[in-house]
N, C-alpha and C. Protein backbone atom coordinates (compact mmCIF):
# COMPACT_ATOMS: atom_id res chain seq x y z
N UNK A 1 11.48 -134.11 127.93
CA UNK A 1 12.55 -134.23 126.76
C UNK A 1 12.63 -132.51 126.63
N UNK A 2 13.90 -131.71 126.40
CA UNK A 2 14.11 -130.71 125.82
C UNK A 2 13.42 -130.15 124.28
N UNK A 3 13.07 -129.47 124.36
CA UNK A 3 12.60 -128.66 122.91
C UNK A 3 13.57 -128.68 121.91
N UNK A 4 14.88 -128.28 122.18
CA UNK A 4 15.96 -128.36 121.20
C UNK A 4 16.01 -129.71 120.54
N UNK A 5 16.29 -130.56 121.82
CA UNK A 5 16.36 -132.09 121.79
C UNK A 5 15.91 -132.51 120.75
N UNK A 6 14.34 -132.54 120.71
CA UNK A 6 13.58 -132.80 119.86
C UNK A 6 13.74 -133.06 118.52
N UNK A 7 13.41 -131.15 118.55
CA UNK A 7 13.74 -130.32 116.82
C UNK A 7 14.66 -131.08 116.34
N UNK A 8 16.08 -131.20 117.34
CA UNK A 8 17.21 -131.35 116.49
C UNK A 8 16.88 -132.99 115.93
N UNK A 9 16.04 -133.77 116.74
CA UNK A 9 15.54 -135.35 115.92
C UNK A 9 14.88 -135.13 114.61
N UNK A 10 14.43 -134.48 114.65
CA UNK A 10 12.73 -134.24 113.77
C UNK A 10 13.76 -133.65 112.63
N UNK A 11 14.57 -133.19 112.90
CA UNK A 11 14.99 -132.10 111.66
C UNK A 11 15.85 -132.99 110.82
N UNK A 12 16.72 -134.04 111.83
CA UNK A 12 17.55 -135.23 111.34
C UNK A 12 17.02 -136.34 110.97
N UNK A 13 15.62 -136.22 110.92
CA UNK A 13 14.54 -137.50 110.38
C UNK A 13 14.32 -137.00 109.07
N UNK A 14 14.16 -135.33 108.74
CA UNK A 14 13.32 -135.12 108.04
C UNK A 14 12.20 -134.31 107.79
N UNK A 15 12.32 -133.49 109.17
CA UNK A 15 10.56 -132.95 109.19
C UNK A 15 11.32 -131.67 108.95
N UNK A 16 10.63 -130.86 108.38
CA UNK A 16 10.65 -129.46 108.36
C UNK A 16 9.70 -128.47 108.90
N UNK A 17 10.02 -127.51 109.34
CA UNK A 17 8.90 -126.34 110.26
C UNK A 17 7.88 -125.71 109.33
N UNK A 18 7.07 -125.63 109.73
CA UNK A 18 5.81 -125.68 108.71
C UNK A 18 5.34 -124.34 109.77
N UNK A 19 5.49 -123.11 108.93
CA UNK A 19 5.18 -122.19 109.48
C UNK A 19 3.75 -121.94 109.42
N UNK A 20 3.03 -120.79 110.36
CA UNK A 20 1.80 -120.31 110.62
C UNK A 20 1.36 -119.44 109.93
N UNK A 21 0.76 -119.20 109.56
CA UNK A 21 0.26 -118.11 108.56
C UNK A 21 -0.48 -117.34 109.44
N UNK A 22 -0.77 -117.44 110.68
CA UNK A 22 -1.14 -116.87 111.73
C UNK A 22 -0.36 -116.52 112.91
N UNK A 23 0.89 -116.69 113.01
CA UNK A 23 1.74 -116.30 113.90
C UNK A 23 1.59 -115.14 114.29
N UNK A 24 1.94 -114.33 113.75
CA UNK A 24 2.35 -112.87 113.61
C UNK A 24 1.20 -111.91 114.71
N UNK A 25 -0.04 -112.38 114.45
CA UNK A 25 -1.18 -112.50 114.82
C UNK A 25 -1.39 -112.69 116.34
N UNK A 26 -1.25 -114.11 116.56
CA UNK A 26 -0.97 -114.61 117.67
C UNK A 26 0.02 -114.54 118.39
N UNK A 27 0.80 -114.08 118.23
CA UNK A 27 1.66 -113.26 118.84
C UNK A 27 1.98 -112.25 119.40
N UNK A 28 1.54 -110.94 118.44
CA UNK A 28 0.90 -109.50 118.90
C UNK A 28 2.06 -108.91 118.35
N UNK A 29 2.13 -107.46 118.46
CA UNK A 29 2.95 -106.76 117.82
C UNK A 29 4.72 -106.82 118.61
N UNK A 30 4.74 -106.74 119.42
CA UNK A 30 5.59 -107.05 120.47
C UNK A 30 6.05 -108.20 120.25
N UNK A 31 6.24 -109.29 120.06
CA UNK A 31 6.40 -110.43 119.64
C UNK A 31 6.62 -110.96 118.59
N UNK A 32 6.24 -110.65 117.67
CA UNK A 32 5.75 -111.05 116.07
C UNK A 32 7.27 -111.59 115.20
N UNK A 33 8.51 -111.16 115.60
CA UNK A 33 9.42 -111.22 114.98
C UNK A 33 9.99 -112.17 115.33
N UNK A 34 9.76 -113.45 116.73
CA UNK A 34 9.97 -114.21 117.17
C UNK A 34 9.58 -115.72 115.72
N UNK A 35 8.15 -114.73 115.21
CA UNK A 35 8.11 -115.98 114.16
C UNK A 35 8.98 -116.56 112.93
N UNK A 36 9.69 -115.25 112.62
CA UNK A 36 11.01 -115.21 111.74
C UNK A 36 11.96 -115.60 112.20
N UNK A 37 12.45 -116.09 113.58
CA UNK A 37 13.13 -116.44 114.07
C UNK A 37 13.16 -118.27 114.19
N UNK A 38 11.95 -118.88 114.44
CA UNK A 38 11.61 -119.88 115.00
C UNK A 38 10.42 -119.99 114.12
N UNK A 39 10.31 -120.31 112.98
CA UNK A 39 9.36 -120.51 111.30
C UNK A 39 8.95 -121.86 111.98
N UNK A 40 8.82 -122.72 113.32
CA UNK A 40 7.73 -123.78 113.31
C UNK A 40 6.76 -123.15 114.72
N UNK A 41 6.59 -121.76 115.11
CA UNK A 41 6.51 -121.53 115.69
C UNK A 41 4.98 -121.15 115.70
N UNK A 42 3.86 -121.33 116.44
CA UNK A 42 2.17 -120.88 116.36
C UNK A 42 1.73 -119.91 117.07
N UNK A 43 1.95 -120.13 118.69
CA UNK A 43 1.80 -119.31 119.26
C UNK A 43 3.11 -119.54 120.41
N UNK A 44 2.84 -118.41 121.62
CA UNK A 44 3.90 -118.73 122.83
C UNK A 44 3.03 -118.03 123.89
N UNK A 45 1.84 -118.13 125.12
CA UNK A 45 1.66 -117.56 125.57
C UNK A 45 2.23 -117.05 126.13
N UNK A 46 1.86 -116.12 127.48
CA UNK A 46 2.35 -115.42 129.08
C UNK A 46 2.89 -116.23 129.82
N UNK A 47 2.20 -117.59 129.95
CA UNK A 47 1.64 -118.31 130.94
C UNK A 47 2.66 -119.38 130.49
N UNK A 48 3.29 -119.26 129.19
CA UNK A 48 4.55 -120.65 129.19
C UNK A 48 4.67 -121.42 128.20
N UNK A 49 3.07 -121.73 127.64
CA UNK A 49 2.71 -122.98 126.60
C UNK A 49 2.97 -122.15 124.96
N UNK A 50 3.84 -123.01 124.95
CA UNK A 50 4.48 -123.37 123.72
C UNK A 50 3.52 -124.30 122.49
N UNK A 51 3.26 -123.65 120.93
CA UNK A 51 2.56 -124.57 120.04
C UNK A 51 3.38 -125.02 118.94
N UNK A 52 4.17 -125.82 118.18
CA UNK A 52 4.93 -125.32 117.50
C UNK A 52 4.74 -126.39 115.79
N UNK A 53 4.65 -126.09 114.88
CA UNK A 53 4.15 -127.45 113.45
C UNK A 53 5.55 -127.48 113.13
N UNK A 54 5.49 -129.06 112.80
CA UNK A 54 6.28 -129.94 111.37
C UNK A 54 5.51 -130.49 110.95
N UNK A 55 6.11 -130.48 109.47
CA UNK A 55 5.84 -131.64 108.07
C UNK A 55 6.67 -132.34 107.46
N UNK A 56 6.13 -133.49 107.40
CA UNK A 56 7.03 -134.49 107.05
C UNK A 56 6.05 -135.19 105.57
N UNK A 57 6.34 -135.15 104.18
CA UNK A 57 5.27 -135.44 103.67
C UNK A 57 4.00 -134.81 103.70
N UNK A 58 2.99 -136.39 104.00
CA UNK A 58 1.62 -135.92 104.24
C UNK A 58 1.62 -135.81 105.67
N UNK A 59 2.67 -136.23 106.51
CA UNK A 59 2.39 -135.63 108.03
C UNK A 59 2.76 -134.54 109.15
N UNK A 60 1.51 -133.70 109.95
CA UNK A 60 1.75 -133.10 110.36
C UNK A 60 1.75 -133.04 111.85
N UNK A 61 2.94 -132.57 112.11
CA UNK A 61 3.62 -132.92 114.00
C UNK A 61 3.03 -131.75 114.52
N UNK A 62 2.31 -131.92 115.69
CA UNK A 62 1.89 -130.14 116.18
C UNK A 62 3.10 -130.94 117.57
N UNK A 63 3.42 -130.48 118.08
CA UNK A 63 3.84 -130.19 119.28
C UNK A 63 3.66 -129.03 120.42
N UNK A 64 3.27 -129.84 121.45
CA UNK A 64 2.95 -128.52 122.67
C UNK A 64 4.30 -128.50 123.79
N UNK A 65 4.80 -127.46 124.29
CA UNK A 65 6.08 -127.43 125.26
C UNK A 65 5.51 -126.38 126.14
N UNK A 66 6.09 -126.70 127.31
CA UNK A 66 5.96 -125.37 128.57
C UNK A 66 7.13 -125.09 128.60
N UNK A 67 7.62 -123.73 129.06
CA UNK A 67 8.87 -123.33 129.79
C UNK A 67 9.15 -121.99 129.14
N UNK A 68 10.83 -121.27 129.37
CA UNK A 68 11.09 -120.27 128.30
C UNK A 68 11.22 -120.18 127.11
N UNK A 69 10.64 -119.51 126.28
CA UNK A 69 10.88 -119.90 124.96
C UNK A 69 11.61 -119.13 124.44
N UNK A 70 12.82 -118.71 125.38
CA UNK A 70 14.36 -117.75 125.21
C UNK A 70 15.42 -119.26 124.88
N UNK A 71 14.62 -120.54 125.48
CA UNK A 71 15.34 -121.87 125.70
C UNK A 71 15.07 -122.68 124.31
N UNK A 72 14.47 -122.29 123.34
CA UNK A 72 13.77 -123.19 122.13
C UNK A 72 15.86 -123.58 121.35
N UNK A 73 16.76 -123.27 121.31
CA UNK A 73 17.65 -123.49 121.14
C UNK A 73 18.80 -124.40 122.30
N UNK A 74 18.14 -124.40 123.94
CA UNK A 74 18.91 -124.88 124.81
C UNK A 74 18.95 -126.19 125.28
N UNK A 75 20.07 -127.71 124.88
CA UNK A 75 19.49 -128.93 125.14
C UNK A 75 20.03 -129.22 126.31
N UNK A 76 19.22 -130.17 126.79
CA UNK A 76 20.01 -131.10 127.58
C UNK A 76 18.79 -130.94 128.85
N UNK A 77 18.84 -131.52 130.14
CA UNK A 77 18.61 -131.19 131.76
C UNK A 77 18.40 -129.80 131.59
N UNK A 78 19.33 -128.98 131.21
CA UNK A 78 19.51 -127.21 131.57
C UNK A 78 18.21 -126.50 130.71
N UNK A 79 17.85 -126.83 129.91
CA UNK A 79 16.72 -125.91 129.03
C UNK A 79 15.46 -126.20 130.03
N UNK A 80 15.02 -124.80 129.92
CA UNK A 80 13.58 -124.43 130.74
C UNK A 80 12.56 -124.39 129.77
N UNK A 81 12.91 -125.42 128.57
CA UNK A 81 11.25 -125.31 127.62
C UNK A 81 10.85 -127.25 127.47
N UNK A 82 10.24 -127.50 127.54
CA UNK A 82 10.00 -129.14 127.87
C UNK A 82 9.07 -129.33 126.97
N UNK A 83 9.11 -130.85 125.90
CA UNK A 83 8.24 -131.00 125.66
C UNK A 83 7.08 -131.63 126.34
N UNK A 84 5.60 -131.43 126.13
CA UNK A 84 4.49 -132.22 127.52
C UNK A 84 3.92 -132.77 126.33
N UNK A 85 3.61 -132.38 125.27
CA UNK A 85 2.83 -133.61 124.02
C UNK A 85 2.84 -133.70 123.09
N UNK A 86 2.86 -134.10 122.11
CA UNK A 86 2.57 -133.82 120.70
C UNK A 86 1.43 -134.67 120.05
N UNK A 87 0.78 -134.74 118.73
CA UNK A 87 -0.43 -134.58 117.92
C UNK A 87 0.12 -135.44 116.39
N UNK A 88 -0.16 -136.43 115.72
CA UNK A 88 0.37 -135.96 114.54
C UNK A 88 -0.92 -135.99 114.02
N UNK A 89 -1.05 -135.67 112.52
CA UNK A 89 -1.76 -135.92 111.76
C UNK A 89 -1.98 -136.10 110.24
N UNK A 90 -2.73 -136.57 109.10
CA UNK A 90 -2.20 -137.02 107.99
C UNK A 90 -3.85 -136.08 107.07
N UNK A 91 -2.96 -135.64 106.38
CA UNK A 91 -3.74 -134.97 104.69
C UNK A 91 -5.14 -136.26 104.19
N UNK A 92 -4.19 -137.71 104.61
CA UNK A 92 -4.73 -138.58 103.80
C UNK A 92 -5.05 -139.76 104.38
N UNK A 93 -5.18 -139.54 105.99
CA UNK A 93 -6.06 -140.11 106.34
C UNK A 93 -6.29 -139.44 107.53
N UNK A 94 -7.54 -140.24 108.38
CA UNK A 94 -8.83 -139.52 108.49
C UNK A 94 -8.46 -139.56 109.94
N UNK A 95 -7.84 -140.57 110.79
CA UNK A 95 -7.51 -140.09 112.15
C UNK A 95 -6.09 -140.40 112.48
N UNK A 96 -5.78 -139.59 113.74
CA UNK A 96 -4.57 -139.12 114.02
C UNK A 96 -4.15 -139.58 115.66
N UNK A 97 -2.88 -139.31 116.23
CA UNK A 97 -2.82 -140.33 117.40
C UNK A 97 -1.93 -138.71 118.08
N UNK A 98 -2.26 -139.28 119.72
CA UNK A 98 -1.37 -138.08 120.41
C UNK A 98 -1.00 -138.71 120.97
N UNK A 99 0.04 -138.28 121.74
CA UNK A 99 0.92 -138.95 122.84
C UNK A 99 1.36 -137.70 123.93
N UNK A 100 0.78 -138.38 125.33
CA UNK A 100 1.53 -137.19 126.12
C UNK A 100 2.67 -136.67 126.62
């Protein structure tokens, strides 16, 4: 699934982007401005691995994606940024679930 499509669904379901306080450090000086444009961004590697975070009440969702960060708003099959997995966790529960 394209990252943009999943993001749109999450936002309409009440999930909000969660800022990572370490994003600018994680991204480095040359790419730190991307943290301001994409609030859920945690890290994007030179190899194309993207980690983002969303929150809905006490639930946190961490999404792993792969591809071109520049396609974070591109929907459909033409997007070069695809979701590869996700993990949910709760601040009130001890367990979490992961889906590839």
